[in-house]
N, C-alpha and C. Protein backbone atom coordinates (compact mmCIF):
# COMPACT_ATOMS: atom_id res chain seq x y z
N MET A 1 0.80 -1.33 0.13
CA MET A 1 -0.34 0.00 -0.34
C MET A 1 0.82 1.41 -0.26
N GLN A 2 0.98 2.28 -0.82
CA GLN A 2 1.68 3.30 -0.91
C GLN A 2 0.86 4.27 0.04
N PRO A 3 1.70 5.27 0.56
CA PRO A 3 1.38 6.29 1.51
C PRO A 3 0.62 7.17 0.97
N PRO A 4 -0.76 7.37 1.99
CA PRO A 4 -1.95 8.22 1.26
C PRO A 4 -1.63 9.52 0.79
N MET A 5 -2.23 10.10 -0.26
CA MET A 5 -1.75 11.16 -0.53
C MET A 5 -3.02 12.00 -1.25
N PRO A 6 -3.14 13.62 -0.93
CA PRO A 6 -4.65 14.01 -1.85
C PRO A 6 -4.34 13.41 -2.94
N PHE A 7 -6.11 13.21 -3.10
CA PHE A 7 -6.58 12.55 -4.52
C PHE A 7 -8.25 13.34 -5.12
N PRO A 8 -8.50 13.31 -5.84
CA PRO A 8 -9.26 13.58 -6.58
C PRO A 8 -10.76 12.75 -5.92
N LEU A 9 -10.55 11.44 -5.43
CA LEU A 9 -11.81 10.38 -5.15
C LEU A 9 -12.35 11.60 -3.77
N THR A 10 -12.17 12.53 -3.28
CA THR A 10 -13.13 13.38 -2.78
C THR A 10 -14.12 13.91 -3.57
N THR A 11 -13.87 14.53 -4.44
CA THR A 11 -14.72 14.92 -5.51
C THR A 11 -15.62 13.78 -5.71
N LEU A 12 -15.01 12.83 -5.96
CA LEU A 12 -15.69 11.83 -6.41
C LEU A 12 -16.62 10.93 -5.33
N ALA A 13 -16.14 11.17 -4.34
CA ALA A 13 -17.36 10.53 -2.53
C ALA A 13 -18.32 11.75 -2.57
N GLY A 14 -18.28 12.65 -2.84
CA GLY A 14 -18.85 14.01 -2.78
C GLY A 14 -19.91 13.98 -3.65
N LYS A 15 -20.12 13.41 -4.98
CA LYS A 15 -20.84 13.09 -6.12
C LYS A 15 -21.47 11.98 -5.56
N THR A 16 -20.79 11.17 -4.86
CA THR A 16 -21.94 9.41 -4.76
C THR A 16 -22.81 10.00 -3.62
N ASP A 17 -22.37 10.50 -2.23
CA ASP A 17 -23.08 10.97 -1.83
C ASP A 17 -24.56 11.97 -1.87
N ASP A 18 -23.72 12.63 -2.85
CA ASP A 18 -25.36 13.85 -3.42
C ASP A 18 -25.85 12.73 -4.25
N TRP A 19 -25.62 11.91 -5.18
CA TRP A 19 -26.27 10.55 -5.67
C TRP A 19 -26.95 10.18 -4.40
N PHE A 20 -26.92 9.40 -3.41
CA PHE A 20 -27.59 8.58 -2.77
C PHE A 20 -28.58 9.51 -1.70
N ARG A 21 -28.64 10.89 -1.54
CA ARG A 21 -29.59 11.44 -0.70
C ARG A 21 -30.38 11.95 -1.94
N ARG A 22 -30.32 12.23 -3.12
CA ARG A 22 -31.21 12.38 -3.99
C ARG A 22 -31.91 10.95 -4.67
N ALA A 23 -31.09 9.98 -4.65
CA ALA A 23 -31.98 8.74 -4.77
C ALA A 23 -32.84 7.87 -3.49
N ASN A 24 -32.12 8.52 -2.27
CA ASN A 24 -33.25 8.01 -0.71
C ASN A 24 -34.16 9.28 -1.29
N ALA A 25 -34.08 10.48 -1.24
CA ALA A 25 -35.38 11.29 -1.49
C ALA A 25 -36.30 10.50 -2.93
N ALA A 26 -35.93 10.35 -3.97
CA ALA A 26 -36.73 9.72 -4.53
C ALA A 26 -37.33 8.66 -4.36
N LEU A 27 -37.26 7.96 -3.34
CA LEU A 27 -37.94 6.53 -3.33
C LEU A 27 -38.25 6.72 -1.75
N LEU A 28 -38.83 7.96 -1.53
CA LEU A 28 -39.68 8.46 -0.79
C LEU A 28 -39.07 7.95 1.05
N THR A 29 -37.65 8.24 1.12
CA THR A 29 -36.92 8.13 2.12
C THR A 29 -37.15 6.54 2.87
N GLN A 30 -38.01 5.39 2.09
CA GLN A 30 -38.12 4.29 2.37
C GLN A 30 -36.69 3.50 2.69
N VAL A 31 -35.80 3.78 2.40
CA VAL A 31 -34.40 2.86 2.49
C VAL A 31 -34.28 2.99 3.75
N PRO A 32 -34.36 1.94 4.73
CA PRO A 32 -33.79 1.76 5.98
C PRO A 32 -32.74 2.02 6.56
N CYS A 33 -31.47 2.55 5.72
CA CYS A 33 -30.07 2.95 6.47
C CYS A 33 -30.21 4.25 7.80
N HIS A 34 -29.55 4.12 8.61
CA HIS A 34 -29.52 5.12 9.67
C HIS A 34 -28.38 5.06 10.48
N ALA A 35 -27.81 6.25 10.98
CA ALA A 35 -26.61 6.04 12.18
C ALA A 35 -27.00 4.41 13.14
N GLY A 36 -26.15 3.88 12.99
CA GLY A 36 -26.37 3.01 14.21
C GLY A 36 -26.61 1.11 13.26
N CYS A 37 -26.77 1.52 11.98
CA CYS A 37 -27.47 0.51 11.30
C CYS A 37 -26.04 -0.29 10.68
N SER A 38 -25.51 -1.43 11.36
CA SER A 38 -24.40 -1.47 11.05
C SER A 38 -24.38 -3.09 9.93
N CYS A 39 -25.71 -3.38 9.33
CA CYS A 39 -25.72 -4.71 8.90
C CYS A 39 -24.99 -5.17 8.03
N CYS A 40 -24.69 -3.93 6.49
CA CYS A 40 -23.81 -3.92 5.55
C CYS A 40 -22.20 -4.06 6.28
N CYS A 41 -22.11 -3.87 7.64
CA CYS A 41 -21.03 -3.32 8.00
C CYS A 41 -20.06 -4.55 8.43
N ILE A 42 -21.19 -5.96 8.17
CA ILE A 42 -20.48 -7.18 8.82
C ILE A 42 -20.53 -8.16 7.56
N GLY A 43 -19.40 -8.62 7.44
CA GLY A 43 -18.85 -9.62 6.29
C GLY A 43 -18.12 -9.34 5.60
N LEU A 44 -17.55 -9.97 4.71
CA LEU A 44 -15.98 -9.74 3.56
C LEU A 44 -16.74 -8.97 2.70
N PHE A 45 -15.75 -7.84 2.33
CA PHE A 45 -16.36 -7.54 0.60
C PHE A 45 -14.95 -7.30 0.18
N SER A 46 -15.12 -7.10 -1.23
CA SER A 46 -13.91 -6.34 -2.02
C SER A 46 -14.20 -4.63 -1.97
N ILE A 47 -13.06 -4.20 -2.27
CA ILE A 47 -13.00 -2.96 -2.84
C ILE A 47 -11.77 -2.27 -3.53
N THR A 48 -11.86 -1.35 -4.23
CA THR A 48 -10.68 -1.16 -4.80
C THR A 48 -9.72 -0.35 -4.70
N ARG A 49 -8.68 -0.39 -5.18
CA ARG A 49 -7.21 0.21 -4.73
C ARG A 49 -7.39 1.93 -4.80
N LEU A 50 -8.76 2.22 -4.70
CA LEU A 50 -9.22 3.45 -5.33
C LEU A 50 -9.65 3.96 -3.79
N ASP A 51 -10.66 2.73 -3.18
CA ASP A 51 -11.21 2.81 -1.98
C ASP A 51 -9.89 2.71 -0.82
N ALA A 52 -9.20 2.05 -1.34
CA ALA A 52 -7.95 1.70 -0.08
C ALA A 52 -7.03 2.86 -0.14
N ARG A 53 -6.70 3.76 -0.83
CA ARG A 53 -6.13 5.25 -0.89
C ARG A 53 -7.23 5.89 0.05
N ARG A 54 -8.43 5.61 -0.10
CA ARG A 54 -9.19 6.82 0.80
C ARG A 54 -9.45 6.67 2.49
N VAL A 55 -9.18 5.06 2.66
CA VAL A 55 -9.30 4.42 3.81
C VAL A 55 -8.27 4.64 4.32
N GLN A 56 -7.03 4.64 3.83
CA GLN A 56 -5.44 4.94 4.54
C GLN A 56 -5.52 6.42 4.83
N GLU A 57 -6.28 7.51 4.03
CA GLU A 57 -6.14 8.72 4.34
C GLU A 57 -6.86 9.10 5.42
N GLY A 58 -8.12 8.73 5.93
CA GLY A 58 -8.54 8.61 6.53
C GLY A 58 -7.79 8.21 7.91
N PHE A 59 -7.53 6.93 7.95
CA PHE A 59 -6.67 6.02 9.12
C PHE A 59 -5.83 7.12 9.36
N THR A 60 -4.66 7.41 9.23
CA THR A 60 -3.42 7.96 9.05
C THR A 60 -4.18 9.44 9.97
N ARG A 61 -5.06 10.11 9.76
CA ARG A 61 -5.91 11.25 10.73
C ARG A 61 -6.69 10.61 12.29
N LEU A 62 -6.14 8.97 12.11
CA LEU A 62 -6.88 8.90 13.82
C LEU A 62 -6.13 8.85 14.91
N PRO A 63 -6.46 8.89 16.09
CA PRO A 63 -5.96 8.92 17.34
C PRO A 63 -4.79 7.59 17.00
N ALA A 64 -3.64 8.03 17.56
CA ALA A 64 -3.01 6.72 17.83
C ALA A 64 -3.62 5.16 18.59
N VAL A 65 -4.29 5.71 19.53
CA VAL A 65 -5.16 4.08 20.18
C VAL A 65 -6.38 3.46 18.97
N ALA A 66 -6.92 4.78 18.51
CA ALA A 66 -7.75 4.17 17.42
C ALA A 66 -6.90 3.30 16.19
N ARG A 67 -6.05 4.11 15.80
CA ARG A 67 -5.24 3.29 14.69
C ARG A 67 -4.86 1.96 15.45
N GLU A 68 -4.18 1.87 16.12
CA GLU A 68 -3.69 0.64 16.60
C GLU A 68 -4.85 -0.86 16.75
N ARG A 69 -5.92 -0.03 17.78
CA ARG A 69 -7.02 -1.05 17.45
C ARG A 69 -7.44 -1.70 16.18
N ILE A 70 -7.77 -0.41 15.26
CA ILE A 70 -8.05 -1.18 14.00
C ILE A 70 -7.51 -1.72 13.08
N ALA A 71 -5.71 -1.56 13.47
CA ALA A 71 -4.78 -2.29 12.46
C ALA A 71 -4.86 -3.70 13.41
N ALA A 72 -4.95 -4.06 14.57
CA ALA A 72 -5.07 -5.23 15.32
C ALA A 72 -6.28 -5.99 14.40
N ARG A 73 -7.48 -5.73 14.35
CA ARG A 73 -8.29 -6.48 13.84
C ARG A 73 -7.88 -7.03 12.49
N ALA A 74 -7.86 -5.57 11.90
CA ALA A 74 -7.07 -5.92 10.08
C ALA A 74 -6.29 -7.13 10.45
N THR A 75 -5.07 -6.87 10.84
CA THR A 75 -4.05 -7.89 10.98
C THR A 75 -4.56 -9.40 11.21
N GLN A 76 -5.76 -9.37 12.27
CA GLN A 76 -6.25 -10.34 12.48
C GLN A 76 -7.02 -11.13 11.13
N GLN A 77 -7.87 -10.61 10.88
CA GLN A 77 -8.70 -11.26 9.76
C GLN A 77 -7.46 -11.27 8.72
N VAL A 78 -6.87 -10.48 8.26
CA VAL A 78 -5.81 -11.01 7.15
C VAL A 78 -5.13 -12.13 7.39
N ARG A 79 -4.59 -12.20 8.69
CA ARG A 79 -3.79 -13.65 9.05
C ARG A 79 -4.70 -14.65 8.89
N ALA A 80 -6.26 -15.07 9.23
CA ALA A 80 -7.13 -16.18 8.72
C ALA A 80 -7.45 -15.97 7.30
N LEU A 81 -7.57 -15.02 6.16
CA LEU A 81 -7.67 -14.89 5.06
C LEU A 81 -6.55 -15.61 4.73
N GLU A 82 -5.14 -15.09 4.65
CA GLU A 82 -3.92 -15.99 4.36
C GLU A 82 -3.54 -17.38 4.83
N THR A 83 -4.47 -17.57 5.89
CA THR A 83 -4.47 -19.25 6.31
C THR A 83 -5.35 -20.13 5.25
N ALA A 84 -6.45 -19.57 5.57
CA ALA A 84 -7.35 -20.06 4.28
C ALA A 84 -7.18 -20.28 2.82
N TYR A 85 -6.78 -18.80 2.13
CA TYR A 85 -6.22 -18.84 1.21
C TYR A 85 -4.78 -18.03 0.99
N PRO A 86 -3.67 -19.20 0.84
CA PRO A 86 -1.69 -18.81 1.27
C PRO A 86 -1.58 -18.18 -0.13
N ARG A 87 -2.52 -18.08 -1.44
CA ARG A 87 -2.36 -17.21 -2.35
C ARG A 87 -1.86 -15.68 -2.21
N LEU A 88 -2.96 -15.13 -1.39
CA LEU A 88 -2.78 -13.65 -0.82
C LEU A 88 -1.43 -13.22 -0.14
N LYS A 89 -1.00 -14.70 0.14
CA LYS A 89 0.52 -14.30 1.16
C LYS A 89 1.05 -13.50 0.08
N THR A 90 1.01 -13.69 -1.25
CA THR A 90 2.21 -13.17 -2.62
C THR A 90 1.35 -12.22 -3.20
N SER A 91 0.19 -12.17 -3.10
CA SER A 91 -0.64 -11.28 -4.14
C SER A 91 -1.82 -11.01 -3.02
N THR A 92 -2.24 -9.62 -3.06
CA THR A 92 -3.28 -9.13 -2.10
C THR A 92 -4.47 -9.13 -3.38
N SER A 93 -4.09 -8.94 -4.75
CA SER A 93 -5.01 -8.92 -5.92
C SER A 93 -6.16 -10.01 -5.65
N ILE A 94 -7.42 -9.77 -6.17
CA ILE A 94 -8.00 -10.82 -6.42
C ILE A 94 -8.77 -10.86 -7.71
N ASP A 95 -8.03 -10.14 -8.53
CA ASP A 95 -8.46 -9.45 -10.12
C ASP A 95 -8.50 -10.80 -11.00
N ASP A 96 -7.74 -11.71 -10.42
CA ASP A 96 -7.94 -12.75 -11.76
C ASP A 96 -8.30 -14.29 -10.64
N TRP A 97 -9.05 -13.73 -9.65
CA TRP A 97 -9.90 -15.06 -9.19
C TRP A 97 -11.36 -14.87 -9.80
N SER A 98 -11.82 -16.22 -9.56
CA SER A 98 -13.01 -16.51 -10.26
C SER A 98 -14.06 -15.99 -9.34
N ASP A 99 -15.39 -15.73 -9.86
CA ASP A 99 -16.71 -15.41 -9.20
C ASP A 99 -16.89 -16.67 -7.96
N LYS A 100 -16.82 -17.70 -8.39
CA LYS A 100 -17.09 -18.98 -7.37
C LYS A 100 -15.84 -18.41 -6.17
N ASP A 101 -14.43 -18.66 -6.70
CA ASP A 101 -13.79 -18.51 -5.53
C ASP A 101 -14.16 -17.28 -4.89
N ILE A 102 -13.95 -16.14 -5.23
CA ILE A 102 -14.43 -15.12 -4.49
C ILE A 102 -16.05 -14.91 -3.65
N ASP A 103 -17.15 -15.79 -4.10
CA ASP A 103 -18.03 -15.85 -3.39
C ASP A 103 -18.07 -16.86 -2.19
N GLN A 104 -17.13 -18.04 -2.54
CA GLN A 104 -16.68 -19.08 -1.39
C GLN A 104 -16.09 -18.09 -0.42
N THR A 105 -15.46 -17.39 -0.70
CA THR A 105 -14.28 -16.68 0.22
C THR A 105 -15.48 -15.64 1.43
N VAL A 106 -16.08 -14.58 0.44
CA VAL A 106 -17.06 -13.94 1.02
C VAL A 106 -18.21 -14.60 1.95
N SER A 107 -18.30 -16.27 2.05
CA SER A 107 -19.63 -16.63 2.39
C SER A 107 -18.55 -17.29 3.74
N LEU A 108 -17.50 -17.42 3.52
CA LEU A 108 -16.49 -18.06 4.69
C LEU A 108 -16.08 -17.15 5.45
N PHE A 109 -16.21 -16.22 5.44
CA PHE A 109 -16.04 -14.95 6.30
C PHE A 109 -17.52 -13.57 6.22
N HIS A 110 -18.19 -14.32 6.41
CA HIS A 110 -19.63 -13.80 6.30
C HIS A 110 -19.69 -13.33 7.36
N ASP A 111 -18.90 -13.52 8.71
CA ASP A 111 -19.79 -12.89 9.99
C ASP A 111 -18.13 -12.14 10.36
N ILE A 112 -17.54 -11.75 9.93
CA ILE A 112 -16.12 -10.57 10.30
C ILE A 112 -17.02 -9.22 9.72
N PRO A 113 -16.55 -8.53 10.98
CA PRO A 113 -16.94 -6.98 11.02
C PRO A 113 -15.75 -6.16 10.40
N CYS A 114 -16.05 -4.83 9.51
CA CYS A 114 -15.48 -4.44 8.86
C CYS A 114 -14.34 -3.86 10.27
N PRO A 115 -13.06 -3.55 9.87
CA PRO A 115 -12.24 -3.23 10.90
C PRO A 115 -12.61 -2.13 11.79
N ALA A 116 -12.98 -0.83 11.04
CA ALA A 116 -13.43 0.42 11.31
C ALA A 116 -14.89 0.05 12.11
N LEU A 117 -15.33 -0.57 12.09
CA LEU A 117 -16.70 -0.27 12.99
C LEU A 117 -16.67 -0.44 14.38
N GLN A 118 -16.91 0.14 14.92
CA GLN A 118 -17.04 0.74 16.34
C GLN A 118 -18.07 -0.41 17.26
N ASP A 119 -18.25 0.04 18.35
CA ASP A 119 -19.05 -1.09 19.60
C ASP A 119 -20.55 -0.22 19.04
N ASN A 120 -20.42 1.14 19.26
CA ASN A 120 -21.73 1.53 18.91
C ASN A 120 -22.39 1.61 17.79
N GLY A 121 -21.82 0.68 16.62
CA GLY A 121 -22.64 0.44 15.54
C GLY A 121 -21.95 1.52 14.35
N LEU A 122 -21.39 2.59 14.75
CA LEU A 122 -20.95 3.53 14.11
C LEU A 122 -19.57 3.72 13.09
N CYS A 123 -19.23 3.69 12.35
CA CYS A 123 -17.95 3.62 11.47
C CYS A 123 -16.90 4.76 12.25
N ALA A 124 -15.39 4.45 12.24
CA ALA A 124 -14.38 5.16 12.62
C ALA A 124 -14.01 6.18 11.60
N LEU A 125 -14.41 5.43 10.61
CA LEU A 125 -13.95 6.12 9.41
C LEU A 125 -14.65 6.89 8.14
N TYR A 126 -15.98 6.95 8.54
CA TYR A 126 -17.22 7.46 7.93
C TYR A 126 -16.77 8.43 6.79
N ALA A 127 -15.99 9.38 7.05
CA ALA A 127 -15.81 10.04 5.91
C ALA A 127 -15.17 9.78 4.91
N TYR A 128 -14.36 8.62 4.88
CA TYR A 128 -13.30 8.13 4.29
C TYR A 128 -13.83 6.58 4.00
N ARG A 129 -15.17 6.57 4.36
CA ARG A 129 -15.56 4.99 3.89
C ARG A 129 -15.38 4.82 2.18
N PRO A 130 -15.40 3.67 1.93
CA PRO A 130 -15.05 3.39 0.02
C PRO A 130 -16.54 4.01 -0.34
N LEU A 131 -16.22 3.87 -1.57
CA LEU A 131 -17.74 4.20 -2.15
C LEU A 131 -18.58 3.45 -2.53
N THR A 132 -18.76 2.05 -2.56
CA THR A 132 -19.00 1.17 -2.41
C THR A 132 -20.59 1.44 -1.08
N CYS A 133 -19.61 1.50 0.22
CA CYS A 133 -20.66 1.82 1.27
C CYS A 133 -21.33 3.19 1.05
N ARG A 134 -21.19 4.06 0.64
CA ARG A 134 -21.62 5.35 0.11
C ARG A 134 -22.64 5.06 -0.64
N SER A 135 -22.52 3.93 -1.46
CA SER A 135 -23.78 3.97 -2.25
C SER A 135 -24.94 2.61 -1.91
N MET A 136 -24.26 1.92 -0.86
CA MET A 136 -25.13 0.95 -0.18
C MET A 136 -26.58 1.53 0.45
N GLY A 137 -27.77 0.98 -0.22
CA GLY A 137 -28.90 0.82 0.90
C GLY A 137 -29.74 1.24 -0.70
N ILE A 138 -29.26 1.73 -1.78
CA ILE A 138 -30.11 1.97 -2.64
C ILE A 138 -30.95 0.52 -3.12
N PRO A 139 -31.94 0.11 -3.30
CA PRO A 139 -32.22 -1.25 -3.62
C PRO A 139 -31.76 -1.49 -5.27
N THR A 140 -31.31 -2.37 -5.69
CA THR A 140 -30.97 -2.92 -6.87
C THR A 140 -31.96 -3.59 -7.90
N GLN A 141 -31.75 -2.95 -9.38
CA GLN A 141 -33.09 -3.54 -10.00
C GLN A 141 -32.34 -4.13 -11.29
N GLN A 142 -32.88 -5.31 -11.26
CA GLN A 142 -32.76 -6.49 -12.79
C GLN A 142 -34.01 -6.65 -13.63
N ASP A 143 -33.90 -5.79 -14.80
CA ASP A 143 -34.93 -6.24 -15.58
C ASP A 143 -36.15 -5.67 -14.80
N ALA A 144 -37.37 -6.24 -14.30
CA ALA A 144 -38.62 -5.65 -13.84
C ALA A 144 -38.61 -5.96 -12.33
N MET A 145 -37.62 -6.79 -12.08
CA MET A 145 -37.41 -7.06 -10.64
C MET A 145 -36.24 -6.31 -9.88
N VAL A 146 -36.77 -5.49 -8.54
CA VAL A 146 -36.14 -5.03 -7.56
C VAL A 146 -35.71 -5.82 -6.21
N TYR A 147 -34.27 -5.83 -5.99
CA TYR A 147 -34.28 -6.54 -4.65
C TYR A 147 -33.70 -5.19 -3.90
N GLY A 148 -33.84 -6.00 -2.73
CA GLY A 148 -33.41 -4.93 -1.59
C GLY A 148 -32.06 -5.16 -1.34
N ALA A 149 -31.18 -4.03 -0.75
CA ALA A 149 -29.92 -4.06 -0.69
C ALA A 149 -29.04 -4.69 0.03
N CYS A 150 -29.65 -5.32 1.21
CA CYS A 150 -29.16 -6.37 2.95
C CYS A 150 -30.06 -6.70 2.84
N GLU A 151 -29.95 -7.80 4.13
CA GLU A 151 -31.35 -8.75 5.00
C GLU A 151 -31.97 -7.80 5.58
N VAL A 152 -31.40 -6.39 5.93
CA VAL A 152 -32.45 -5.21 6.72
C VAL A 152 -33.80 -5.11 6.04
N GLN A 153 -33.61 -4.81 4.62
CA GLN A 153 -34.61 -4.27 3.61
C GLN A 153 -35.36 -5.74 3.25
N THR A 154 -36.49 -5.45 4.39
CA THR A 154 -37.38 -6.74 3.88
C THR A 154 -38.57 -6.33 2.92
N PHE A 155 -38.62 -5.12 2.85
CA PHE A 155 -39.31 -4.73 1.42
C PHE A 155 -38.77 -3.85 0.84
N VAL A 156 -39.03 -3.32 -0.16
CA VAL A 156 -38.31 -2.44 -1.31
C VAL A 156 -39.17 -1.73 -2.00
N PRO A 157 -39.24 -0.38 -1.95
CA PRO A 157 -39.92 0.55 -1.97
C PRO A 157 -40.52 0.67 -3.87
N ILE A 158 -42.22 0.68 -3.56
CA ILE A 158 -42.57 0.82 -4.56
C ILE A 158 -42.20 1.60 -5.71
N VAL A 159 -41.56 2.63 -5.54
CA VAL A 159 -41.50 3.98 -6.27
C VAL A 159 -40.03 3.17 -6.87
N ARG A 160 -39.70 3.51 -7.83
CA ARG A 160 -38.51 3.14 -8.46
C ARG A 160 -37.63 4.35 -9.32
N LEU A 161 -36.35 3.86 -9.09
CA LEU A 161 -35.48 5.36 -9.27
C LEU A 161 -35.44 5.73 -10.71
N SER A 162 -35.73 7.06 -11.32
CA SER A 162 -35.81 7.51 -12.30
C SER A 162 -34.67 7.53 -13.22
N THR A 163 -34.68 7.12 -14.50
CA THR A 163 -33.85 6.92 -15.56
C THR A 163 -32.46 7.81 -15.33
N SER A 164 -32.89 8.71 -14.75
CA SER A 164 -31.64 10.20 -14.74
C SER A 164 -30.96 9.64 -13.61
N LEU A 165 -31.41 8.87 -12.55
CA LEU A 165 -30.73 8.80 -11.44
C LEU A 165 -30.11 7.46 -11.71
N ALA A 166 -30.35 6.66 -12.49
CA ALA A 166 -29.95 5.78 -13.07
C ALA A 166 -29.21 5.51 -13.79
N ALA A 167 -29.06 6.35 -14.66
CA ALA A 167 -27.85 7.10 -15.98
C ALA A 167 -26.69 7.55 -15.05
N GLU A 168 -26.50 8.48 -14.10
CA GLU A 168 -26.09 8.95 -13.16
C GLU A 168 -25.17 8.15 -12.42
N GLU A 169 -25.58 7.07 -11.73
CA GLU A 169 -25.01 6.14 -11.01
C GLU A 169 -24.32 5.75 -12.08
N HIS A 170 -24.24 5.10 -13.26
CA HIS A 170 -23.64 4.56 -14.60
C HIS A 170 -22.31 5.68 -14.78
N THR A 171 -22.44 6.74 -14.87
CA THR A 171 -21.69 7.62 -15.09
C THR A 171 -20.72 7.73 -13.81
N LEU A 172 -21.31 7.89 -12.63
CA LEU A 172 -20.11 7.69 -11.38
C LEU A 172 -19.64 6.53 -11.35
N ALA A 173 -19.86 5.55 -12.14
CA ALA A 173 -19.03 3.80 -12.20
C ALA A 173 -17.90 4.32 -13.16
N LYS A 174 -18.43 4.89 -14.33
CA LYS A 174 -17.39 5.40 -15.18
C LYS A 174 -16.39 6.73 -14.77
N GLU A 175 -16.61 7.33 -13.80
CA GLU A 175 -15.58 8.36 -13.28
C GLU A 175 -14.82 7.53 -12.40
N GLU A 176 -15.36 6.27 -11.67
CA GLU A 176 -14.39 5.97 -10.72
C GLU A 176 -13.58 4.67 -11.93
N ALA A 177 -13.57 4.38 -12.64
CA ALA A 177 -13.16 3.55 -13.31
C ALA A 177 -11.79 4.29 -13.94
N VAL A 178 -12.11 5.44 -14.50
CA VAL A 178 -11.01 6.49 -15.26
C VAL A 178 -10.16 6.76 -13.81
N GLU A 179 -10.93 7.04 -12.57
CA GLU A 179 -9.74 7.18 -11.68
C GLU A 179 -9.32 6.29 -11.40
N LEU A 180 -9.28 5.05 -11.01
CA LEU A 180 -8.56 3.78 -10.66
C LEU A 180 -7.55 3.90 -11.39
N ALA A 181 -7.93 3.71 -12.89
CA ALA A 181 -7.03 3.40 -14.36
C ALA A 181 -5.70 4.09 -13.65
N ALA A 182 -5.96 5.00 -13.30
CA ALA A 182 -4.73 6.24 -13.49
C ALA A 182 -3.69 5.80 -12.17
N LEU A 183 -4.19 4.97 -11.11
CA LEU A 183 -3.20 4.79 -10.27
C LEU A 183 -2.45 3.93 -10.39
N PRO A 184 -0.76 4.18 -10.02
CA PRO A 184 0.38 3.61 -10.72
C PRO A 184 -0.16 1.96 -10.00
N GLU A 185 -0.63 1.72 -8.83
CA GLU A 185 -0.35 0.49 -8.18
C GLU A 185 -1.46 -0.48 -8.83
N VAL A 186 -2.43 0.34 -9.37
CA VAL A 186 -3.37 -0.92 -10.04
C VAL A 186 -2.44 -1.56 -11.41
N ALA A 187 -1.28 -0.44 -11.92
CA ALA A 187 -1.01 -1.54 -13.10
C ALA A 187 -0.04 -2.60 -12.23
N GLU A 188 0.58 -2.03 -11.26
CA GLU A 188 1.54 -3.25 -10.66
C GLU A 188 1.20 -4.34 -9.40
N GLN A 189 -0.27 -4.05 -9.10
CA GLN A 189 -0.64 -4.95 -7.89
C GLN A 189 -2.24 -5.23 -8.36
N GLY A 190 -3.12 -4.89 -9.59
CA GLY A 190 -4.49 -5.35 -9.49
C GLY A 190 -5.37 -4.12 -9.02
N GLU A 191 -6.82 -4.08 -9.51
CA GLU A 191 -7.62 -3.43 -9.57
C GLU A 191 -8.00 -3.66 -7.71
N GLU A 192 -8.82 -4.73 -7.35
CA GLU A 192 -9.30 -5.04 -6.26
C GLU A 192 -8.69 -5.63 -5.32
N ILE A 193 -9.14 -5.52 -4.08
CA ILE A 193 -8.47 -6.55 -2.71
C ILE A 193 -10.03 -6.71 -1.63
N PHE A 194 -9.53 -7.53 -1.05
CA PHE A 194 -10.47 -7.67 0.50
C PHE A 194 -10.09 -6.74 1.17
N LEU A 195 -11.32 -6.16 1.90
CA LEU A 195 -11.48 -4.82 2.91
C LEU A 195 -10.10 -4.43 3.76
N PRO A 196 -10.35 -6.08 4.14
CA PRO A 196 -9.23 -6.04 5.71
C PRO A 196 -7.75 -5.20 4.93
N TYR A 197 -7.30 -5.41 3.83
CA TYR A 197 -6.37 -4.88 3.03
C TYR A 197 -6.00 -3.78 3.51
N ALA A 198 -7.10 -2.95 3.45
CA ALA A 198 -6.55 -1.38 3.15
C ALA A 198 -6.17 -0.86 4.33
N PHE A 199 -6.57 -1.64 5.71
CA PHE A 199 -5.78 -0.93 6.41
C PHE A 199 -4.34 -1.83 7.38
N ILE A 200 -4.08 -2.71 6.30
CA ILE A 200 -2.24 -3.15 6.23
C ILE A 200 -1.62 -2.47 5.75
N ALA A 201 -0.51 -1.73 6.82
CA ALA A 201 0.40 -0.85 6.10
C ALA A 201 1.95 -1.77 5.86
N ASP A 202 1.58 -2.36 4.74
CA ASP A 202 2.71 -3.24 4.10
C ASP A 202 2.63 -3.21 2.32
N ARG A 203 3.32 -3.56 2.05
CA ARG A 203 3.33 -3.49 0.35
C ARG A 203 3.86 -4.60 -0.18
N ARG A 204 3.05 -5.36 -1.04
CA ARG A 204 3.43 -6.95 -1.72
C ARG A 204 3.43 -6.43 -2.95
N ASP A 205 5.15 -6.49 -3.03
CA ASP A 205 5.13 -6.50 -4.94
C ASP A 205 5.04 -7.26 -5.79
N SER A 206 5.04 -7.21 -7.10
CA SER A 206 4.89 -8.25 -7.97
C SER A 206 5.58 -9.50 -7.53
N ASP A 207 6.70 -9.77 -7.13
CA ASP A 207 7.83 -10.51 -6.89
C ASP A 207 7.23 -11.61 -5.51
N GLY A 208 6.65 -11.03 -4.52
CA GLY A 208 5.96 -11.62 -3.82
C GLY A 208 6.45 -11.20 -2.29
N SER A 209 7.53 -10.27 -2.57
CA SER A 209 8.07 -9.69 -1.26
C SER A 209 7.39 -8.51 -0.41
N GLN A 210 7.58 -8.68 0.81
CA GLN A 210 7.00 -8.05 1.30
C GLN A 210 7.85 -6.51 2.00
N ARG A 211 7.55 -4.74 1.94
CA ARG A 211 8.13 -3.85 2.42
C ARG A 211 7.42 -3.15 3.08
N PRO A 212 7.45 -3.45 4.26
CA PRO A 212 6.64 -2.95 5.27
C PRO A 212 6.78 -1.14 5.56
N THR A 213 5.36 -0.35 5.51
CA THR A 213 5.33 0.76 5.63
C THR A 213 4.91 1.17 7.15
N HIS A 214 5.59 1.60 7.70
CA HIS A 214 4.90 1.98 9.41
C HIS A 214 4.23 3.49 9.36
N HIS A 215 3.11 3.49 9.87
CA HIS A 215 2.84 4.53 10.34
C HIS A 215 3.35 5.32 11.12
N SER A 216 3.31 6.51 11.74
CA SER A 216 3.77 7.45 12.30
C SER A 216 2.51 7.35 13.38
N THR A 217 2.86 7.42 15.31
CA THR A 217 1.87 7.56 15.69
C THR A 217 1.71 9.01 16.26
N SER A 218 2.53 9.49 15.86
CA SER A 218 2.65 11.04 17.06
C SER A 218 1.42 11.83 16.57
């Protein structure tokens, strides 16, 4: 993981937040997401290197005690992941993993909480959370069917997202892809990783060697 630096994800994150607010309003605020609801914070999922940079930016701004607690949780999860899937020891990228392997891994680690999840159900890195977390909660639509975004959504709104909001979601995804492609670490290490690795301050080179990067605790 390269040291965090100023990055235009701030703009993209803001756009995503704005989209979510308008999408939620369009659905008559029937999306059940609220502060302290952490259902979507439990379970393993993947994020991009773009998200990882943002997470690291927020992580380094936390008090030392909070950083140590989060890093300890992430390290424990990474060790469990690498025990179950030794190939992660040489490469954290899951770009070349099959959907079946990813689904199997997610199922195996379905009950682990995000390392940044606090006991009160709030996110310690909320302002720096991944883009997937920012858009989570809006029901997904496939053909004529609408599906809840998580198990808390036992019903879905009758109202559907407008064509313009749906198109805007696709535009945001394209902007994310452009920014992601511009990252040097993507060319070296791939686009996607499992979430716990975003909190681990080391870098795995293409040859499998590790070069630790120590965070300052000042």
